[in-house]
Amino acid sequence: MNFIRACVNIRRNYLAIATLILVVFTFECDGTRLIFSSSEDLHSNPNDMGLNYEEVWLDTRDGVQLHGWFVPGKPGMPLVFFCHGNAANISHFVAILRYFNEMGFSTFIFDYRGFGRSRGQSIREEDLYMDARGALDYLRTRGWSSSRIIYYGRSMGAAVSLQLGLETPPAAVVLECPFTSMSEIAWHTAPITYGLIGWWTIDAKFDNINKIEKLSRPVIIFQGDQDKVVPQNMAERLFQRANEPKALYLIPGGGHSNLFQVGGEKYRNAWIDLIRQWVPSEKPG
């Protein structure tokens, strides 16, 4: 009986491998596009949290139309430029939009191409960077200079914020639950699949570990010690490679998407200190 069960399991494994290989070749050996996923449905909006907001449509430099929300804050306060992670869209983050609003921040959040209501499809790492550039271009038309903006990225969005921080330095860069690189997070989350086909089919590098040492702006890293997606040591290694000024906040009991909820005063005070130390107190131009 055990032998039969073992044979069935082996057969299932071979079928799974064969399916993965078939999918990869169907997409012309480009596994990167299989990484990005998001629902088109928006299940909530800032009004549900009692927030005034503007619905925004903008065009990227390569002509893709993106959807986002602008939530105004108190005059003189900086803006949080929010780059969210994978497998989500902007409607998953209305609670933290309220959190930032209560602190006085203005916030701009957008969906990458193919996420939520944004047009197009994300098939390359570069697509996410192109979308962030387009969103920043839009903010410039609203009078927001990069010196008055805090780039805030969560998980995959941390890689987007970091890349943009190298290209257009902001007041500060905040990375939440950041991973070191695509290869390392893939080995961590799906070692068998990545070992079999991922390493040669996925072009995306998201090489945060080597990029962060080139960043010239203040960097804050938040990481939960109970994160089941990104291990704590990745945040610690990124912190070690970052230049001063920098700070690492480990949140006890924090998972991958709830740090602002479980972080309490530690999380909130980190943002307050960021404003006091590194963000100029002047209105946007």
Protein backbone atom coordinates (compact mmCIF):
# COMPACT_ATOMS: atom_id res chain seq x y z
CA MET A 1 0.00 0.00 0.00
CA ASN A 2 2.84 2.38 0.88
CA PHE A 3 4.50 1.48 -2.43
CA ILE A 4 1.33 2.35 -4.36
CA ARG A 5 0.98 5.63 -2.51
CA ALA A 6 4.61 6.45 -3.25
CA CYS A 7 4.09 5.73 -6.95
CA VAL A 8 1.06 8.02 -7.00
CA ASN A 9 3.05 10.81 -5.36
CA ILE A 10 5.90 10.40 -7.82
CA ARG A 11 3.45 10.52 -10.72
CA ARG A 12 1.92 13.71 -9.33
CA ASN A 13 5.34 15.30 -9.01
CA TYR A 14 6.23 14.46 -12.59
CA LEU A 15 2.90 15.83 -13.80
CA ALA A 16 3.51 19.07 -11.86
CA ILE A 17 6.97 19.43 -13.36
CA ALA A 18 5.67 18.69 -16.86
CA THR A 19 2.93 21.29 -16.41
CA LEU A 20 5.43 23.93 -15.31
CA ILE A 21 7.66 23.22 -18.27
CA LEU A 22 4.69 23.39 -20.64
CA VAL A 23 3.62 26.75 -19.18
CA VAL A 24 7.14 28.12 -19.51
CA PHE A 25 7.45 27.16 -23.16
CA THR A 26 3.94 28.44 -23.85
CA PHE A 27 5.17 31.84 -22.69
CA GLU A 28 8.30 31.54 -24.84
CA CYS A 29 10.56 30.64 -21.92
CA ASP A 30 9.82 33.96 -20.24
CA GLY A 31 8.86 33.07 -16.70
CA THR A 32 8.98 36.66 -15.44
CA ARG A 33 5.44 37.43 -16.58
CA LEU A 34 4.19 34.53 -14.45
CA ILE A 35 5.40 36.28 -11.30
CA PHE A 36 3.09 39.29 -11.46
CA SER A 37 -0.50 38.79 -10.37
CA SER A 38 -3.38 40.96 -9.25
CA SER A 39 -7.15 41.06 -9.29
CA GLU A 40 -8.86 43.63 -11.49
CA ASP A 41 -11.60 44.11 -8.90
CA LEU A 42 -11.39 47.01 -6.45
CA HIS A 43 -13.24 45.92 -3.32
CA SER A 44 -12.80 49.16 -1.40
CA ASN A 45 -11.83 52.82 -1.77
CA PRO A 46 -10.72 55.63 0.57
CA ASN A 47 -14.29 56.84 1.02
CA ASP A 48 -14.95 53.63 2.91
CA MET A 49 -12.46 54.88 5.50
CA GLY A 50 -13.94 58.37 5.58
CA LEU A 51 -11.19 59.86 3.44
CA ASN A 52 -11.46 62.50 0.77
CA TYR A 53 -9.53 61.45 -2.30
CA GLU A 54 -9.04 62.05 -5.99
CA GLU A 55 -9.21 59.31 -8.58
CA VAL A 56 -6.27 59.68 -10.93
CA TRP A 57 -5.56 58.42 -14.44
CA LEU A 58 -2.07 59.02 -15.80
CA ASP A 59 -0.01 57.97 -18.80
CA THR A 60 3.45 56.44 -18.52
CA ARG A 61 6.31 57.48 -20.78
CA ASP A 62 5.60 54.49 -23.02
CA GLY A 63 1.91 55.28 -23.28
CA VAL A 64 0.28 52.94 -20.75
CA GLN A 65 -2.63 54.33 -18.74
CA LEU A 66 -2.40 53.77 -14.99
CA HIS A 67 -4.97 54.21 -12.25
CA GLY A 68 -4.30 55.62 -8.80
CA TRP A 69 -5.60 57.60 -5.84
CA PHE A 70 -4.39 60.86 -4.34
CA VAL A 71 -5.31 61.39 -0.69
CA PRO A 72 -4.53 64.95 0.49
CA GLY A 73 -2.98 65.57 3.90
CA LYS A 74 -2.12 68.59 6.00
CA PRO A 75 -0.44 71.61 4.36
CA GLY A 76 3.34 71.57 4.75
CA MET A 77 3.55 67.81 5.32
CA PRO A 78 5.45 65.56 2.90
CA LEU A 79 3.83 63.14 0.51
CA VAL A 80 4.12 59.35 0.79
CA PHE A 81 4.66 57.84 -2.65
CA PHE A 82 3.26 54.35 -2.14
CA CYS A 83 4.57 51.42 -4.23
CA HIS A 84 2.64 48.32 -3.22
CA GLY A 85 3.64 44.68 -3.54
CA ASN A 86 2.61 41.79 -5.74
CA ALA A 87 -0.71 39.90 -5.74
CA ALA A 88 -2.61 43.02 -4.66
CA ASN A 89 -4.07 46.25 -5.96
CA ILE A 90 -4.64 49.67 -4.44
CA SER A 91 -7.95 48.65 -2.85
CA HIS A 92 -6.06 46.38 -0.44
CA PHE A 93 -4.40 49.37 1.23
CA VAL A 94 -7.17 51.76 2.24
CA ALA A 95 -6.53 51.12 5.95
CA ILE A 96 -2.93 52.28 5.77
CA LEU A 97 -3.99 55.24 3.61
CA ARG A 98 -6.12 56.32 6.58
CA TYR A 99 -3.17 55.68 8.92
CA PHE A 100 -0.94 58.01 6.90
CA ASN A 101 -3.72 60.58 6.58
CA GLU A 102 -4.22 60.66 10.34
CA MET A 103 -0.50 61.42 10.70
CA GLY A 104 -0.92 64.33 8.30
CA PHE A 105 0.73 62.87 5.20
CA SER A 106 -0.60 63.26 1.71
CA THR A 107 -0.42 59.92 -0.08
CA PHE A 108 -0.34 58.84 -3.69
CA ILE A 109 -0.84 55.17 -4.50
CA PHE A 110 -1.08 53.66 -7.98
CA ASP A 111 -1.48 50.28 -9.63
CA TYR A 112 1.17 48.91 -11.96
CA ARG A 113 0.11 48.01 -15.48
CA GLY A 114 -2.17 44.98 -15.41
CA PHE A 115 -2.93 45.49 -11.71
CA GLY A 116 -6.38 46.68 -10.64
CA ARG A 117 -7.84 49.03 -13.26
CA SER A 118 -4.51 50.00 -14.81
CA ARG A 119 -4.20 49.11 -18.47
CA GLY A 120 -1.58 46.92 -20.11
CA GLN A 121 0.29 43.99 -18.60
CA SER A 122 3.43 43.73 -16.49
CA ILE A 123 5.76 41.24 -18.12
CA ARG A 124 9.18 42.59 -17.13
CA GLU A 125 10.85 44.04 -14.07
CA GLU A 126 11.40 47.23 -16.06
CA ASP A 127 7.64 47.66 -16.52
CA LEU A 128 7.22 48.32 -12.80
CA TYR A 129 10.00 50.90 -12.83
CA MET A 130 8.49 52.58 -15.90
CA ASP A 131 5.15 52.82 -14.10
CA ALA A 132 6.72 54.37 -11.01
CA ARG A 133 8.48 56.96 -13.18
CA GLY A 134 5.17 57.82 -14.80
CA ALA A 135 3.51 58.22 -11.42
CA LEU A 136 6.32 60.50 -10.27
CA ASP A 137 6.01 62.53 -13.48
CA TYR A 138 2.36 63.03 -12.61
CA LEU A 139 3.19 64.25 -9.10
CA ARG A 140 5.57 66.83 -10.56
CA THR A 141 2.65 68.31 -12.50
CA ARG A 142 0.94 68.72 -9.12
CA GLY A 143 3.88 70.70 -7.74
CA TRP A 144 5.51 67.92 -5.73
CA SER A 145 9.28 67.91 -6.00
CA SER A 146 11.16 64.76 -5.04
CA SER A 147 12.70 66.58 -2.05
CA ARG A 148 9.22 66.69 -0.48
CA ILE A 149 8.37 63.05 -1.20
CA ILE A 150 9.03 59.89 0.83
CA TYR A 151 9.26 56.79 -1.35
CA TYR A 152 7.51 53.98 0.50
CA GLY A 153 7.63 50.45 -0.90
CA ARG A 154 6.27 47.21 0.51
CA SER A 155 7.68 43.79 -0.46
CA MET A 156 8.06 43.88 -4.26
CA GLY A 157 7.24 47.57 -4.09
CA ALA A 158 10.35 48.07 -1.97
CA ALA A 159 12.40 47.13 -5.03
CA VAL A 160 10.49 49.74 -7.06
CA SER A 161 11.04 52.44 -4.43
CA LEU A 162 14.72 51.60 -4.20
CA GLN A 163 15.23 51.81 -7.96
CA LEU A 164 13.42 55.12 -8.13
CA GLY A 165 15.48 56.37 -5.20
CA LEU A 166 18.64 55.81 -7.23
CA GLU A 167 17.24 57.62 -10.26
CA THR A 168 15.43 60.53 -8.59
CA PRO A 169 16.56 60.94 -4.98
CA PRO A 170 13.68 61.78 -2.59
CA ALA A 171 13.62 63.10 0.96
CA ALA A 172 13.92 59.50 2.20
CA VAL A 173 13.25 55.90 1.19
CA VAL A 174 11.18 53.60 3.39
CA LEU A 175 11.36 49.87 2.69
CA GLU A 176 8.90 47.53 4.37
CA CYS A 177 9.48 43.75 4.33
CA PRO A 178 12.07 44.07 1.54
CA PHE A 179 13.78 41.04 0.00
CA THR A 180 17.40 40.96 -1.10
CA SER A 181 16.95 39.74 -4.68
CA MET A 182 14.57 37.75 -6.84
CA SER A 183 16.82 34.70 -6.87
CA GLU A 184 17.09 34.60 -3.07
CA ILE A 185 13.41 35.13 -2.36
CA ALA A 186 12.51 32.53 -5.01
CA TRP A 187 14.86 29.99 -3.41
CA HIS A 188 13.29 30.79 -0.06
CA THR A 189 9.63 30.52 -1.10
CA ALA A 190 9.71 27.87 -3.85
CA PRO A 191 13.10 26.13 -3.91
CA ILE A 192 12.07 23.10 -5.97
CA THR A 193 10.30 25.04 -8.70
CA TYR A 194 13.02 27.67 -8.88
CA GLY A 195 15.75 25.04 -8.87
CA LEU A 196 14.13 23.15 -11.74
CA ILE A 197 13.11 25.92 -14.11
CA GLY A 198 12.96 29.31 -12.39
CA TRP A 199 16.65 30.15 -12.47
CA TRP A 200 16.79 30.07 -16.28
CA THR A 201 13.30 31.33 -17.15
CA ILE A 202 12.93 34.36 -14.88
CA ASP A 203 14.75 37.45 -16.12
CA ALA A 204 13.74 39.70 -13.22
CA LYS A 205 16.57 40.30 -10.79
CA PHE A 206 15.23 42.89 -8.33
CA ASP A 207 18.82 43.12 -7.11
CA ASN A 208 18.14 45.16 -3.97
CA ILE A 209 21.18 43.87 -2.11
CA ASN A 210 23.58 45.46 -4.57
CA LYS A 211 21.49 48.53 -5.32
CA ILE A 212 21.02 49.69 -1.74
CA GLU A 213 24.69 50.48 -1.19
CA LYS A 214 24.42 53.04 -4.02
CA LEU A 215 21.51 54.89 -2.42
CA SER A 216 22.49 58.37 -1.27
CA ARG A 217 19.33 59.22 0.66
CA PRO A 218 18.22 58.29 4.21
CA VAL A 219 16.73 54.81 4.33
CA ILE A 220 14.34 53.28 6.86
CA ILE A 221 13.64 49.54 6.91
CA PHE A 222 10.67 47.95 8.69
CA GLN A 223 10.54 44.19 9.16
CA GLY A 224 8.27 41.88 11.14
CA ASP A 225 9.86 39.06 13.10
CA GLN A 226 6.94 36.77 12.18
CA ASP A 227 7.03 37.43 8.43
CA LYS A 228 6.36 34.12 6.65
CA VAL A 229 7.18 35.49 3.20
CA VAL A 230 10.39 37.48 3.61
CA PRO A 231 12.83 36.28 6.30
CA GLN A 232 14.15 38.77 8.82
CA ASN A 233 17.77 38.21 7.83
CA MET A 234 17.10 39.73 4.40
CA ALA A 235 16.13 43.04 6.00
CA GLU A 236 19.17 42.85 8.26
CA ARG A 237 21.52 42.22 5.34
CA LEU A 238 20.03 45.12 3.39
CA PHE A 239 20.47 47.34 6.42
CA GLN A 240 24.13 46.35 6.72
CA ARG A 241 24.78 47.29 3.10
CA ALA A 242 22.92 50.62 3.25
CA ASN A 243 24.73 53.92 3.75
CA GLU A 244 24.13 56.27 6.65
CA PRO A 245 21.81 57.76 7.66
CA LYS A 246 19.76 54.62 8.12
CA ALA A 247 17.54 52.84 10.62
CA LEU A 248 16.14 49.33 11.00
CA TYR A 249 12.96 48.70 12.99
CA LEU A 250 12.13 45.08 13.81
CA ILE A 251 8.46 44.79 14.76
CA PRO A 252 7.68 42.03 17.30
CA GLY A 253 4.77 39.91 16.14
CA GLY A 254 4.75 41.62 12.75
CA GLY A 255 3.89 39.63 9.64
CA HIS A 256 4.23 40.53 6.00
CA SER A 257 1.40 43.05 5.70
CA ASN A 258 0.36 44.25 9.15
CA LEU A 259 3.28 46.20 10.56
CA PHE A 260 1.39 49.49 10.88
CA GLN A 261 -1.32 47.63 12.81
CA VAL A 262 0.86 45.67 15.24
CA GLY A 263 3.81 48.06 15.40
CA GLY A 264 2.10 50.47 17.79
CA GLU A 265 4.14 53.43 19.02
CA LYS A 266 7.37 51.98 17.68
CA TYR A 267 6.10 52.09 14.12
CA ARG A 268 4.41 55.45 14.47
CA ASN A 269 7.36 57.11 16.19
CA ALA A 270 9.68 55.94 13.43
CA TRP A 271 7.65 57.96 10.94
CA ILE A 272 7.55 60.96 13.26
CA ASP A 273 11.34 60.83 13.70
CA LEU A 274 11.73 60.56 9.95
CA ILE A 275 9.86 63.83 9.45
CA ARG A 276 11.73 65.61 12.24
CA GLN A 277 15.20 64.56 11.14
CA TRP A 278 15.21 64.30 7.38
CA VAL A 279 12.26 65.97 5.71
CA PRO A 280 12.36 69.76 5.23
CA SER A 281 9.41 71.61 6.73
CA GLU A 282 8.25 73.58 3.74
CA LYS A 283 5.25 73.44 1.47
CA PRO A 284 5.49 71.78 -1.95
CA GLY A 285 6.47 74.06 -4.78
